Every structure is written in structure tokens, then in C-alpha cells.
Amino acid sequence: MDGHELFDQGMELLRQKKYEDALTAFVDSYSQGYMRAAFYIGEIYSHGYGVEPDLTTAYQFYDVARQNGVMEARGSINRILDGYGPEKPKEPSKKALVMLGAFIALIAVIIGVYLAINYGV
């Protein structure tokens, strides 16, 4: 499945309140570069749907979504910052860093394959 199909699957699972499965689908979608999924990962962590609420992780995913043009993320970021006061969350969660590292590694592989196919590198 591509990122968009995984995202759609995550939305259906979210509607069915199958939160852990929805999170998995959104993480897989995000791993394939579908940035809208980052917003919904943030929603799951912000509201504690099937996970312990984690505003730091939620903020990080909302921020990724915001930087990639998902406009709803701005309001969610503002709600988190209002709860934290004037400071941003300080420490990224270990899980968020692992997912971000996996995403970066995937992008590196995709670039390597592209270069090999197109330039014989």
C-alpha cells in the first residue's frame, strides 16, 4: 500500500476507534512520506487515543505537519503551547526520534535507488 492508502486505512480505523491500529497505519503512511499522517499521529498522542497522552510527541508531529503545509496543525500547536505556557516542549520523546530516524533512513534509501537507476551510481 502507498502512503495515501495507508492514511485512508488509518482514518477508517480511527472512526472505528481502533486506535492502536490507526496509529500503526498513520506511522506507516508517514514513513512513506505522506505528511498529513503526522497531524493524526499528533492527534492520537495529544488526546491519548490508545496511548498515554504525550504532548511532547504530539507537538513534534504537529510541527512536522505544519512545516509541510497541514494548516490544522497550527491550532493544535497553539493549544499545546497554551497548556505549556510560553515555552515549547524541551525534550523529544525517544519514540518520536526513532520514527524520525526511520523516516530519514527510508528517504536515504529512496535517494540511493533513484541515483542508481538514473545515474548508475
PDB file of N, CA and C in Angstrom:
ATOM      1  N   MET A   1       0.841  -1.190   0.000  1.00  0.00           N
ATOM      2  CA  MET A   1       0.000   0.000   0.000  1.00  0.00           C
ATOM      3  C   MET A   1       0.878   1.242   0.000  1.00  0.00           C
ATOM      4  N   ASP A   2       0.426   2.277  -0.684  1.00  0.00           N
ATOM      5  CA  ASP A   2       1.173   3.527  -0.660  1.00  0.00           C
ATOM      6  C   ASP A   2       0.740   4.365   0.542  1.00  0.00           C
ATOM      7  N   GLY A   3       1.427   5.492   0.752  1.00  0.00           N
ATOM      8  CA  GLY A   3       1.174   6.340   1.905  1.00  0.00           C
ATOM      9  C   GLY A   3      -0.250   6.844   1.995  1.00  0.00           C
ATOM     10  N   HIS A   4      -0.827   7.189   0.839  1.00  0.00           N
ATOM     11  CA  HIS A   4      -2.202   7.700   0.842  1.00  0.00           C
ATOM     12  C   HIS A   4      -3.191   6.602   1.238  1.00  0.00           C
ATOM     13  N   GLU A   5      -3.001   5.402   0.718  1.00  0.00           N
ATOM     14  CA  GLU A   5      -3.889   4.289   1.069  1.00  0.00           C
ATOM     15  C   GLU A   5      -3.767   3.936   2.552  1.00  0.00           C
ATOM     16  N   LEU A   6      -2.542   3.959   3.068  1.00  0.00           N
ATOM     17  CA  LEU A   6      -2.344   3.699   4.499  1.00  0.00           C
ATOM     18  C   LEU A   6      -3.011   4.775   5.344  1.00  0.00           C
ATOM     19  N   PHE A   7      -2.936   6.023   4.866  1.00  0.00           N
ATOM     20  CA  PHE A   7      -3.595   7.121   5.571  1.00  0.00           C
ATOM     21  C   PHE A   7      -5.107   6.886   5.614  1.00  0.00           C
ATOM     22  N   ASP A   8      -5.695   6.541   4.477  1.00  0.00           N
ATOM     23  CA  ASP A   8      -7.136   6.270   4.425  1.00  0.00           C
ATOM     24  C   ASP A   8      -7.507   5.124   5.362  1.00  0.00           C
ATOM     25  N   GLN A   9      -6.656   4.099   5.383  1.00  0.00           N
ATOM     26  CA  GLN A   9      -6.892   2.979   6.289  1.00  0.00           C
ATOM     27  C   GLN A   9      -6.856   3.465   7.746  1.00  0.00           C
ATOM     28  N   GLY A  10      -5.885   4.318   8.066  1.00  0.00           N
ATOM     29  CA  GLY A  10      -5.794   4.873   9.411  1.00  0.00           C
ATOM     30  C   GLY A  10      -7.026   5.675   9.790  1.00  0.00           C
ATOM     31  N   MET A  11      -7.551   6.451   8.845  1.00  0.00           N
ATOM     32  CA  MET A  11      -8.761   7.239   9.117  1.00  0.00           C
ATOM     33  C   MET A  11      -9.950   6.316   9.408  1.00  0.00           C
ATOM     34  N   GLU A  12     -10.078   5.248   8.644  1.00  0.00           N
ATOM     35  CA  GLU A  12     -11.180   4.306   8.882  1.00  0.00           C
ATOM     36  C   GLU A  12     -11.027   3.638  10.247  1.00  0.00           C
ATOM     37  N   LEU A  13      -9.816   3.235  10.584  1.00  0.00           N
ATOM     38  CA  LEU A  13      -9.570   2.622  11.888  1.00  0.00           C
ATOM     39  C   LEU A  13      -9.825   3.606  13.021  1.00  0.00           C
ATOM     40  N   LEU A  14      -9.503   4.863  12.808  1.00  0.00           N
ATOM     41  CA  LEU A  14      -9.768   5.900  13.807  1.00  0.00           C
ATOM     42  C   LEU A  14     -11.273   6.048  14.017  1.00  0.00           C
ATOM     43  N   ARG A  15     -12.040   6.070  12.924  1.00  0.00           N
ATOM     44  CA  ARG A  15     -13.505   6.152  13.024  1.00  0.00           C
ATOM     45  C   ARG A  15     -14.070   4.954  13.794  1.00  0.00           C
ATOM     46  N   GLN A  16     -13.436   3.796  13.631  1.00  0.00           N
ATOM     47  CA  GLN A  16     -13.877   2.575  14.317  1.00  0.00           C
ATOM     48  C   GLN A  16     -13.345   2.497  15.756  1.00  0.00           C
ATOM     49  N   LYS A  17     -12.596   3.514  16.154  1.00  0.00           N
ATOM     50  CA  LYS A  17     -11.983   3.586  17.493  1.00  0.00           C
ATOM     51  C   LYS A  17     -10.990   2.452  17.743  1.00  0.00           C
ATOM     52  N   LYS A  18     -10.350   1.995  16.675  1.00  0.00           N
ATOM     53  CA  LYS A  18      -9.271   1.010  16.776  1.00  0.00           C
ATOM     54  C   LYS A  18      -7.970   1.809  16.761  1.00  0.00           C
ATOM     55  N   TYR A  19      -7.714   2.469  17.886  1.00  0.00           N
ATOM     56  CA  TYR A  19      -6.682   3.496  17.950  1.00  0.00           C
ATOM     57  C   TYR A  19      -5.269   2.968  17.717  1.00  0.00           C
ATOM     58  N   GLU A  20      -4.932   1.833  18.299  1.00  0.00           N
ATOM     59  CA  GLU A  20      -3.567   1.316  18.121  1.00  0.00           C
ATOM     60  C   GLU A  20      -3.311   0.948  16.663  1.00  0.00           C
ATOM     61  N   ASP A  21      -4.302   0.345  16.020  1.00  0.00           N
ATOM     62  CA  ASP A  21      -4.163   0.003  14.605  1.00  0.00           C
ATOM     63  C   ASP A  21      -4.109   1.264  13.747  1.00  0.00           C
ATOM     64  N   ALA A  22      -4.896   2.268  14.120  1.00  0.00           N
ATOM     65  CA  ALA A  22      -4.881   3.539  13.387  1.00  0.00           C
ATOM     66  C   ALA A  22      -3.503   4.181  13.495  1.00  0.00           C
ATOM     67  N   LEU A  23      -2.926   4.170  14.708  1.00  0.00           N
ATOM     68  CA  LEU A  23      -1.595   4.750  14.892  1.00  0.00           C
ATOM     69  C   LEU A  23      -0.578   4.044  14.006  1.00  0.00           C
ATOM     70  N   THR A  24      -0.634   2.727  13.953  1.00  0.00           N
ATOM     71  CA  THR A  24       0.286   1.962  13.108  1.00  0.00           C
ATOM     72  C   THR A  24       0.138   2.365  11.642  1.00  0.00           C
ATOM     73  N   ALA A  25      -1.103   2.482  11.178  1.00  0.00           N
ATOM     74  CA  ALA A  25      -1.343   2.866   9.781  1.00  0.00           C
ATOM     75  C   ALA A  25      -0.819   4.276   9.511  1.00  0.00           C
ATOM     76  N   PHE A  26      -1.044   5.198  10.450  1.00  0.00           N
ATOM     77  CA  PHE A  26      -0.565   6.571  10.261  1.00  0.00           C
ATOM     78  C   PHE A  26       0.962   6.639  10.273  1.00  0.00           C
ATOM     79  N   VAL A  27       1.607   5.880  11.158  1.00  0.00           N
ATOM     80  CA  VAL A  27       3.071   5.855  11.207  1.00  0.00           C
ATOM     81  C   VAL A  27       3.624   5.287   9.903  1.00  0.00           C
ATOM     82  N   ASP A  28       3.009   4.220   9.396  1.00  0.00           N
ATOM     83  CA  ASP A  28       3.448   3.651   8.118  1.00  0.00           C
ATOM     84  C   ASP A  28       3.242   4.647   6.977  1.00  0.00           C
ATOM     85  N   SER A  29       2.124   5.343   6.997  1.00  0.00           N
ATOM     86  CA  SER A  29       1.840   6.355   5.976  1.00  0.00           C
ATOM     87  C   SER A  29       2.876   7.474   6.036  1.00  0.00           C
ATOM     88  N   TYR A  30       3.150   7.936   7.244  1.00  0.00           N
ATOM     89  CA  TYR A  30       4.145   8.992   7.469  1.00  0.00           C
ATOM     90  C   TYR A  30       5.530   8.524   7.002  1.00  0.00           C
ATOM     91  N   SER A  31       5.854   7.262   7.281  1.00  0.00           N
ATOM     92  CA  SER A  31       7.153   6.703   6.873  1.00  0.00           C
ATOM     93  C   SER A  31       7.319   6.715   5.364  1.00  0.00           C
ATOM     94  N   GLN A  32       6.199   6.666   4.650  1.00  0.00           N
ATOM     95  CA  GLN A  32       6.246   6.693   3.192  1.00  0.00           C
ATOM     96  C   GLN A  32       6.147   8.121   2.648  1.00  0.00           C
ATOM     97  N   GLY A  33       6.238   9.099   3.546  1.00  0.00           N
ATOM     98  CA  GLY A  33       6.285  10.492   3.110  1.00  0.00           C
ATOM     99  C   GLY A  33       4.953  11.197   3.032  1.00  0.00           C
ATOM    100  N   TYR A  34       3.887  10.583   3.519  1.00  0.00           N
ATOM    101  CA  TYR A  34       2.570  11.222   3.489  1.00  0.00           C
ATOM    102  C   TYR A  34       2.444  12.067   4.755  1.00  0.00           C
ATOM    103  N   MET A  35       2.737  13.356   4.635  1.00  0.00           N
ATOM    104  CA  MET A  35       2.887  14.235   5.788  1.00  0.00           C
ATOM    105  C   MET A  35       1.587  14.527   6.534  1.00  0.00           C
ATOM    106  N   ARG A  36       0.450  14.395   5.875  1.00  0.00           N
ATOM    107  CA  ARG A  36      -0.817  14.622   6.572  1.00  0.00           C
ATOM    108  C   ARG A  36      -0.973  13.630   7.729  1.00  0.00           C
ATOM    109  N   ALA A  37      -0.373  12.460   7.593  1.00  0.00           N
ATOM    110  CA  ALA A  37      -0.441  11.459   8.658  1.00  0.00           C
ATOM    111  C   ALA A  37       0.215  11.968   9.936  1.00  0.00           C
ATOM    112  N   ALA A  38       1.218  12.838   9.819  1.00  0.00           N
ATOM    113  CA  ALA A  38       1.880  13.384  11.007  1.00  0.00           C
ATOM    114  C   ALA A  38       0.882  14.110  11.896  1.00  0.00           C
ATOM    115  N   PHE A  39      -0.065  14.825  11.280  1.00  0.00           N
ATOM    116  CA  PHE A  39      -1.085  15.529  12.066  1.00  0.00           C
ATOM    117  C   PHE A  39      -1.901  14.551  12.899  1.00  0.00           C
ATOM    118  N   TYR A  40      -2.299  13.444  12.305  1.00  0.00           N
ATOM    119  CA  TYR A  40      -3.131  12.482  13.029  1.00  0.00           C
ATOM    120  C   TYR A  40      -2.341  11.693  14.068  1.00  0.00           C
ATOM    121  N   ILE A  41      -1.054  11.499  13.842  1.00  0.00           N
ATOM    122  CA  ILE A  41      -0.210  10.923  14.900  1.00  0.00           C
ATOM    123  C   ILE A  41      -0.209  11.889  16.078  1.00  0.00           C
ATOM    124  N   GLY A  42      -0.064  13.174  15.788  1.00  0.00           N
ATOM    125  CA  GLY A  42      -0.142  14.187  16.838  1.00  0.00           C
ATOM    126  C   GLY A  42      -1.469  14.148  17.579  1.00  0.00           C
ATOM    127  N   GLU A  43      -2.571  13.986  16.839  1.00  0.00           N
ATOM    128  CA  GLU A  43      -3.894  13.917  17.464  1.00  0.00           C
ATOM    129  C   GLU A  43      -3.993  12.734  18.426  1.00  0.00           C
ATOM    130  N   ILE A  44      -3.494  11.589  17.987  1.00  0.00           N
ATOM    131  CA  ILE A  44      -3.570  10.394  18.828  1.00  0.00           C
ATOM    132  C   ILE A  44      -2.797  10.612  20.122  1.00  0.00           C
ATOM    133  N   TYR A  45      -1.581  11.175  20.019  1.00  0.00           N
ATOM    134  CA  TYR A  45      -0.786  11.411  21.232  1.00  0.00           C
ATOM    135  C   TYR A  45      -1.341  12.558  22.062  1.00  0.00           C
ATOM    136  N   SER A  46      -1.865  13.571  21.431  1.00  0.00           N
ATOM    137  CA  SER A  46      -2.419  14.697  22.165  1.00  0.00           C
ATOM    138  C   SER A  46      -3.617  14.287  23.010  1.00  0.00           C
ATOM    139  N   HIS A  47      -4.498  13.484  22.424  1.00  0.00           N
ATOM    140  CA  HIS A  47      -5.738  13.097  23.104  1.00  0.00           C
ATOM    141  C   HIS A  47      -5.627  11.779  23.862  1.00  0.00           C
ATOM    142  N   GLY A  48      -4.514  11.070  23.679  1.00  0.00           N
ATOM    143  CA  GLY A  48      -4.333   9.804  24.375  1.00  0.00           C
ATOM    144  C   GLY A  48      -5.240   8.704  23.855  1.00  0.00           C
ATOM    145  N   TYR A  49      -5.445   8.669  22.541  1.00  0.00           N
ATOM    146  CA  TYR A  49      -6.270   7.625  21.940  1.00  0.00           C
ATOM    147  C   TYR A  49      -5.463   6.334  21.836  1.00  0.00           C
ATOM    148  N   GLY A  50      -5.680   5.421  22.767  1.00  0.00           N
ATOM    149  CA  GLY A  50      -4.994   4.130  22.738  1.00  0.00           C
ATOM    150  C   GLY A  50      -3.554   4.176  23.225  1.00  0.00           C
ATOM    151  N   VAL A  51      -3.071   5.338  23.612  1.00  0.00           N
ATOM    152  CA  VAL A  51      -1.719   5.525  24.134  1.00  0.00           C
ATOM    153  C   VAL A  51      -1.795   6.474  25.323  1.00  0.00           C
ATOM    154  N   GLU A  52      -0.723   6.519  26.087  1.00  0.00           N
ATOM    155  CA  GLU A  52      -0.647   7.534  27.139  1.00  0.00           C
ATOM    156  C   GLU A  52      -0.543   8.895  26.461  1.00  0.00           C
ATOM    157  N   PRO A  53      -1.310   9.880  26.909  1.00  0.00           N
ATOM    158  CA  PRO A  53      -1.158  11.209  26.314  1.00  0.00           C
ATOM    159  C   PRO A  53       0.299  11.678  26.444  1.00  0.00           C
ATOM    160  N   ASP A  54       0.829  12.225  25.375  1.00  0.00           N
ATOM    161  CA  ASP A  54       2.216  12.687  25.347  1.00  0.00           C
ATOM    162  C   ASP A  54       2.253  13.956  24.499  1.00  0.00           C
ATOM    163  N   LEU A  55       2.163  15.096  25.177  1.00  0.00           N
ATOM    164  CA  LEU A  55       2.092  16.367  24.457  1.00  0.00           C
ATOM    165  C   LEU A  55       3.392  16.712  23.745  1.00  0.00           C
ATOM    166  N   THR A  56       4.511  16.226  24.242  1.00  0.00           N
ATOM    167  CA  THR A  56       5.780  16.491  23.564  1.00  0.00           C
ATOM    168  C   THR A  56       5.807  15.789  22.203  1.00  0.00           C
ATOM    169  N   THR A  57       5.435  14.518  22.197  1.00  0.00           N
ATOM    170  CA  THR A  57       5.376  13.780  20.931  1.00  0.00           C
ATOM    171  C   THR A  57       4.322  14.391  20.016  1.00  0.00           C
ATOM    172  N   ALA A  58       3.165  14.730  20.575  1.00  0.00           N
ATOM    173  CA  ALA A  58       2.105  15.349  19.772  1.00  0.00           C
ATOM    174  C   ALA A  58       2.625  16.635  19.130  1.00  0.00           C
ATOM    175  N   TYR A  59       3.294  17.470  19.921  1.00  0.00           N
ATOM    176  CA  TYR A  59       3.830  18.737  19.401  1.00  0.00           C
ATOM    177  C   TYR A  59       4.787  18.482  18.240  1.00  0.00           C
ATOM    178  N   GLN A  60       5.667  17.491  18.400  1.00  0.00           N
ATOM    179  CA  GLN A  60       6.661  17.220  17.360  1.00  0.00           C
ATOM    180  C   GLN A  60       5.993  16.825  16.041  1.00  0.00           C
ATOM    181  N   PHE A  61       4.981  15.979  16.117  1.00  0.00           N
ATOM    182  CA  PHE A  61       4.306  15.569  14.892  1.00  0.00           C
ATOM    183  C   PHE A  61       3.441  16.687  14.318  1.00  0.00           C
ATOM    184  N   TYR A  62       2.799  17.465  15.183  1.00  0.00           N
ATOM    185  CA  TYR A  62       2.050  18.624  14.692  1.00  0.00           C
ATOM    186  C   TYR A  62       2.996  19.583  13.969  1.00  0.00           C
ATOM    187  N   ASP A  63       4.185  19.770  14.520  1.00  0.00           N
ATOM    188  CA  ASP A  63       5.134  20.704  13.917  1.00  0.00           C
ATOM    189  C   ASP A  63       5.608  20.206  12.545  1.00  0.00           C
ATOM    190  N   VAL A  64       5.858  18.905  12.416  1.00  0.00           N
ATOM    191  CA  VAL A  64       6.209  18.331  11.115  1.00  0.00           C
ATOM    192  C   VAL A  64       5.069  18.587  10.130  1.00  0.00           C
ATOM    193  N   ALA A  65       3.845  18.339  10.579  1.00  0.00           N
ATOM    194  CA  ALA A  65       2.682  18.556   9.715  1.00  0.00           C
ATOM    195  C   ALA A  65       2.586  20.032   9.308  1.00  0.00           C
ATOM    196  N   ARG A  66       2.759  20.931  10.271  1.00  0.00           N
ATOM    197  CA  ARG A  66       2.691  22.370   9.989  1.00  0.00           C
ATOM    198  C   ARG A  66       3.744  22.768   8.967  1.00  0.00           C
ATOM    199  N   GLN A  67       4.963  22.276   9.142  1.00  0.00           N
ATOM    200  CA  GLN A  67       6.046  22.622   8.224  1.00  0.00           C
ATOM    201  C   GLN A  67       5.805  22.084   6.816  1.00  0.00           C
ATOM    202  N   ASN A  68       4.917  21.113   6.708  1.00  0.00           N
ATOM    203  CA  ASN A  68       4.613  20.525   5.407  1.00  0.00           C
ATOM    204  C   ASN A  68       3.232  20.934   4.895  1.00  0.00           C
ATOM    205  N   GLY A  69       2.720  22.051   5.420  1.00  0.00           N
ATOM    206  CA  GLY A  69       1.518  22.659   4.874  1.00  0.00           C
ATOM    207  C   GLY A  69       0.190  22.161   5.406  1.00  0.00           C
ATOM    208  N   VAL A  70       0.181  21.385   6.479  1.00  0.00           N
ATOM    209  CA  VAL A  70      -1.087  20.933   7.065  1.00  0.00           C
ATOM    210  C   VAL A  70      -1.554  22.032   8.021  1.00  0.00           C
ATOM    211  N   MET A  71      -2.498  22.821   7.552  1.00  0.00           N
ATOM    212  CA  MET A  71      -2.881  24.041   8.263  1.00  0.00           C
ATOM    213  C   MET A  71      -3.519  23.780   9.630  1.00  0.00           C
ATOM    214  N   GLU A  72      -4.267  22.678   9.795  1.00  0.00           N
ATOM    215  CA  GLU A  72      -4.915  22.402  11.077  1.00  0.00           C
ATOM    216  C   GLU A  72      -3.901  22.258  12.208  1.00  0.00           C
ATOM    217  N   ALA A  73      -2.678  21.938  11.861  1.00  0.00           N
ATOM    218  CA  ALA A  73      -1.650  21.707  12.879  1.00  0.00           C
ATOM    219  C   ALA A  73      -1.353  22.979  13.670  1.00  0.00           C
ATOM    220  N   ARG A  74      -1.515  24.139  13.058  1.00  0.00           N
ATOM    221  CA  ARG A  74      -1.223  25.396  13.775  1.00  0.00           C
ATOM    222  C   ARG A  74      -2.089  25.548  15.015  1.00  0.00           C
ATOM    223  N   GLY A  75      -3.383  25.299  14.874  1.00  0.00           N
ATOM    224  CA  GLY A  75      -4.278  25.414  16.026  1.00  0.00           C
ATOM    225  C   GLY A  75      -3.927  24.416  17.112  1.00  0.00           C
ATOM    226  N   SER A  76      -3.568  23.206  16.707  1.00  0.00           N
ATOM    227  CA  SER A  76      -3.203  22.173  17.678  1.00  0.00           C
ATOM    228  C   SER A  76      -1.921  22.545  18.412  1.00  0.00           C
ATOM    229  N   ILE A  77      -0.960  23.088  17.680  1.00  0.00           N
ATOM    230  CA  ILE A  77       0.286  23.546  18.310  1.00  0.00           C
ATOM    231  C   ILE A  77      -0.017  24.649  19.306  1.00  0.00           C
ATOM    232  N   ASN A  78      -0.863  25.584  18.917  1.00  0.00           N
ATOM    233  CA  ASN A  78      -1.209  26.687  19.824  1.00  0.00           C
ATOM    234  C   ASN A  78      -1.889  26.180  21.086  1.00  0.00           C
ATOM    235  N   ARG A  79      -2.754  25.185  20.962  1.00  0.00           N
ATOM    236  CA  ARG A  79      -3.413  24.629  22.151  1.00  0.00           C
ATOM    237  C   ARG A  79      -2.393  23.994  23.087  1.00  0.00           C
ATOM    238  N   ILE A  80      -1.415  23.285  22.518  1.00  0.00           N
ATOM    239  CA  ILE A  80      -0.380  22.681  23.358  1.00  0.00           C
ATOM    240  C   ILE A  80       0.455  23.763  24.028  1.00  0.00           C
ATOM    241  N   LEU A  81       0.868  24.761  23.256  1.00  0.00           N
ATOM    242  CA  LEU A  81       1.699  25.816  23.824  1.00  0.00           C
ATOM    243  C   LEU A  81       0.952  26.601  24.896  1.00  0.00           C
ATOM    244  N   ASP A  82      -0.335  26.779  24.729  1.00  0.00           N
ATOM    245  CA  ASP A  82      -1.124  27.455  25.765  1.00  0.00           C
ATOM    246  C   ASP A  82      -1.090  26.661  27.062  1.00  0.00           C
ATOM    247  N   GLY A  83      -1.099  25.339  26.947  1.00  0.00           N
ATOM    248  CA  GLY A  83      -1.026  24.489  28.132  1.00  0.00           C
ATOM    249  C   GLY A  83       0.346  24.490  28.770  1.00  0.00           C
ATOM    250  N   TYR A  84       1.388  24.671  27.948  1.00  0.00           N
ATOM    251  CA  TYR A  84       2.757  24.679  28.450  1.00  0.00           C
ATOM    252  C   TYR A  84       3.175  26.061  28.930  1.00  0.00           C
ATOM    253  N   GLY A  85       2.452  27.084  28.548  1.00  0.00           N
ATOM    254  CA  GLY A  85       2.907  28.442  28.801  1.00  0.00           C
ATOM    255  C   GLY A  85       3.718  28.915  27.613  1.00  0.00           C
ATOM    256  N   PRO A  86       4.631  29.868  27.817  1.00  0.00           N
ATOM    257  CA  PRO A  86       5.339  30.468  26.687  1.00  0.00           C
ATOM    258  C   PRO A  86       6.426  29.591  26.080  1.00  0.00           C
ATOM    259  N   GLU A  87       6.805  28.490  26.739  1.00  0.00           N
ATOM    260  CA  GLU A  87       7.908  27.674  26.230  1.00  0.00           C
ATOM    261  C   GLU A  87       7.406  26.495  25.426  1.00  0.00           C
ATOM    262  N   LYS A  88       8.213  26.089  24.461  1.00  0.00           N
ATOM    263  CA  LYS A  88       7.942  24.872  23.713  1.00  0.00           C
ATOM    264  C   LYS A  88       8.359  23.686  24.572  1.00  0.00           C
ATOM    265  N   PRO A  89       7.818  22.507  24.291  1.00  0.00           N
ATOM    266  CA  PRO A  89       8.327  21.314  24.973  1.00  0.00           C
ATOM    267  C   PRO A  89       9.820  21.163  24.690  1.00  0.00           C
ATOM    268  N   LYS A  90      10.574  20.722  25.687  1.00  0.00           N
ATOM    269  CA  LYS A  90      12.024  20.727  25.568  1.00  0.00           C
ATOM    270  C   LYS A  90      12.614  19.440  25.001  1.00  0.00           C
ATOM    271  N   GLU A  91      12.199  18.301  25.481  1.00  0.00           N
ATOM    272  CA  GLU A  91      12.834  17.036  25.101  1.00  0.00           C
ATOM    273  C   GLU A  91      11.954  16.230  24.167  1.00  0.00           C
ATOM    274  N   PRO A  92      12.476  15.848  23.012  1.00  0.00           N
ATOM    275  CA  PRO A  92      11.694  14.961  22.160  1.00  0.00           C
ATOM    276  C   PRO A  92      11.618  13.575  22.784  1.00  0.00           C
ATOM    277  N   SER A  93      10.519  12.903  22.587  1.00  0.00           N
ATOM    278  CA  SER A  93      10.393  11.548  23.123  1.00  0.00           C
ATOM    279  C   SER A  93      11.284  10.601  22.316  1.00  0.00           C
ATOM    280  N   LYS A  94      11.704   9.532  22.960  1.00  0.00           N
ATOM    281  CA  LYS A  94      12.560   8.550  22.300  1.00  0.00           C
ATOM    282  C   LYS A  94      11.841   7.918  21.108  1.00  0.00           C
ATOM    283  N   LYS A  95      10.546   7.635  21.265  1.00  0.00           N
ATOM    284  CA  LYS A  95       9.784   7.012  20.188  1.00  0.00           C
ATOM    285  C   LYS A  95       9.722   7.939  18.972  1.00  0.00           C
ATOM    286  N   ALA A  96       9.510   9.231  19.204  1.00  0.00           N
ATOM    287  CA  ALA A  96       9.439  10.182  18.090  1.00  0.00           C
ATOM    288  C   ALA A  96      10.782  10.247  17.369  1.00  0.00           C
ATOM    289  N   LEU A  97      11.875  10.227  18.113  1.00  0.00           N
ATOM    290  CA  LEU A  97      13.194  10.272  17.490  1.00  0.00           C
ATOM    291  C   LEU A  97      13.468   9.008  16.678  1.00  0.00           C
ATOM    292  N   VAL A  98      13.030   7.860  17.189  1.00  0.00           N
ATOM    293  CA  VAL A  98      13.220   6.606  16.458  1.00  0.00           C
ATOM    294  C   VAL A  98      12.424   6.643  15.156  1.00  0.00           C
ATOM    295  N   MET A  99      11.164   7.109  15.220  1.00  0.00           N
ATOM    296  CA  MET A  99      10.344   7.183  13.999  1.00  0.00           C
ATOM    297  C   MET A  99      10.930   8.172  13.008  1.00  0.00           C
ATOM    298  N   LEU A 100      11.432   9.302  13.507  1.00  0.00           N
ATOM    299  CA  LEU A 100      12.043  10.287  12.622  1.00  0.00           C
ATOM    300  C   LEU A 100      13.302   9.704  11.979  1.00  0.00           C
ATOM    301  N   GLY A 101      14.107   8.977  12.758  1.00  0.00           N
ATOM    302  CA  GLY A 101      15.311   8.340  12.218  1.00  0.00           C
ATOM    303  C   GLY A 101      14.970   7.320  11.147  1.00  0.00           C
ATOM    304  N   ALA A 102      13.903   6.550  11.369  1.00  0.00           N
ATOM    305  CA  ALA A 102      13.474   5.558  10.370  1.00  0.00           C
ATOM    306  C   ALA A 102      13.024   6.251   9.093  1.00  0.00           C
ATOM    307  N   PHE A 103      12.339   7.355   9.235  1.00  0.00           N
ATOM    308  CA  PHE A 103      11.883   8.108   8.065  1.00  0.00           C
ATOM    309  C   PHE A 103      13.076   8.648   7.277  1.00  0.00           C
ATOM    310  N   ILE A 104      14.066   9.188   7.968  1.00  0.00           N
ATOM    311  CA  ILE A 104      15.249   9.730   7.302  1.00  0.00           C
ATOM    312  C   ILE A 104      16.016   8.606   6.592  1.00  0.00           C
ATOM    313  N   ALA A 105      16.123   7.455   7.241  1.00  0.00           N
ATOM    314  CA  ALA A 105      16.804   6.308   6.612  1.00  0.00           C
ATOM    315  C   ALA A 105      16.062   5.864   5.355  1.00  0.00           C
ATOM    316  N   LEU A 106      14.741   5.864   5.407  1.00  0.00           N
ATOM    317  CA  LEU A 106      13.945   5.487   4.243  1.00  0.00           C
ATOM    318  C   LEU A 106      14.178   6.459   3.090  1.00  0.00           C
ATOM    319  N   ILE A 107      14.217   7.730   3.378  1.00  0.00           N
ATOM    320  CA  ILE A 107      14.473   8.748   2.350  1.00  0.00           C
ATOM    321  C   ILE A 107      15.860   8.525   1.740  1.00  0.00           C
ATOM    322  N   ALA A 108      16.855   8.205   2.571  1.00  0.00           N
ATOM    323  CA  ALA A 108      18.209   7.957   2.059  1.00  0.00           C
ATOM    324  C   ALA A 108      18.222   6.765   1.107  1.00  0.00           C
ATOM    325  N   VAL A 109      17.482   5.711   1.439  1.00  0.00           N
ATOM    326  CA  VAL A 109      17.402   4.540   0.562  1.00  0.00           C
ATOM    327  C   VAL A 109      16.734   4.915  -0.755  1.00  0.00           C
ATOM    328  N   ILE A 110      15.648   5.658  -0.676  1.00  0.00           N
ATOM    329  CA  ILE A 110      14.936   6.074  -1.891  1.00  0.00           C
ATOM    330  C   ILE A 110      15.850   6.901  -2.792  1.00  0.00           C
ATOM    331  N   ILE A 111      16.607   7.820  -2.201  1.00  0.00           N
ATOM    332  CA  ILE A 111      17.540   8.640  -2.987  1.00  0.00           C
ATOM    333  C   ILE A 111      18.614   7.757  -3.614  1.00  0.00           C
ATOM    334  N   GLY A 112      19.130   6.789  -2.853  1.00  0.00           N
ATOM    335  CA  GLY A 112      20.148   5.879  -3.380  1.00  0.00           C
ATOM    336  C   GLY A 112      19.638   5.066  -4.552  1.00  0.00           C
ATOM    337  N   VAL A 113      18.418   4.559  -4.438  1.00  0.00           N
ATOM    338  CA  VAL A 113      17.826   3.784  -5.532  1.00  0.00           C
ATOM    339  C   VAL A 113      17.618   4.682  -6.749  1.00  0.00           C
ATOM    340  N   TYR A 114      17.127   5.886  -6.525  1.00  0.00           N
ATOM    341  CA  TYR A 114      16.914   6.827  -7.627  1.00  0.00           C
ATOM    342  C   TYR A 114      18.232   7.113  -8.356  1.00  0.00           C
ATOM    343  N   LEU A 115      19.274   7.384  -7.581  1.00  0.00           N
ATOM    344  CA  LEU A 115      20.573   7.669  -8.191  1.00  0.00           C
ATOM    345  C   LEU A 115      21.110   6.455  -8.959  1.00  0.00           C
ATOM    346  N   ALA A 116      20.931   5.274  -8.382  1.00  0.00           N
ATOM    347  CA  ALA A 116      21.416   4.055  -9.047  1.00  0.00           C
ATOM    348  C   ALA A 116      20.670   3.812 -10.365  1.00  0.00           C
ATOM    349  N   ILE A 117      19.384   4.013 -10.347  1.00  0.00           N
ATOM    350  CA  ILE A 117      18.579   3.777 -11.555  1.00  0.00           C
ATOM    351  C   ILE A 117      18.862   4.811 -12.616  1.00  0.00           C
ATOM    352  N   ASN A 118      18.928   6.063 -12.219  1.00  0.00           N
ATOM    353  CA  ASN A 118      19.028   7.145 -13.193  1.00  0.00           C
ATOM    354  C   ASN A 118      20.456   7.526 -13.590  1.00  0.00           C
ATOM    355  N   TYR A 119      21.414   7.266 -12.716  1.00  0.00           N
ATOM    356  CA  TYR A 119      22.775   7.721 -12.993  1.00  0.00           C
ATOM    357  C   TYR A 119      23.811   6.606 -12.868  1.00  0.00           C
ATOM    358  N   GLY A 120      23.366   5.404 -12.533  1.00  0.00           N
ATOM    359  CA  GLY A 120      24.282   4.284 -12.399  1.00  0.00           C
ATOM    360  C   GLY A 120      25.298   4.446 -11.286  1.00  0.00           C
ATOM    361  N   VAL A 121      24.946   5.225 -10.276  1.00  0.00           N
ATOM    362  CA  VAL A 121      25.861   5.478  -9.157  1.00  0.00           C
ATOM    363  C   VAL A 121      25.857   4.309  -8.212  1.00  0.00           C
TER     364      VAL A 121
END
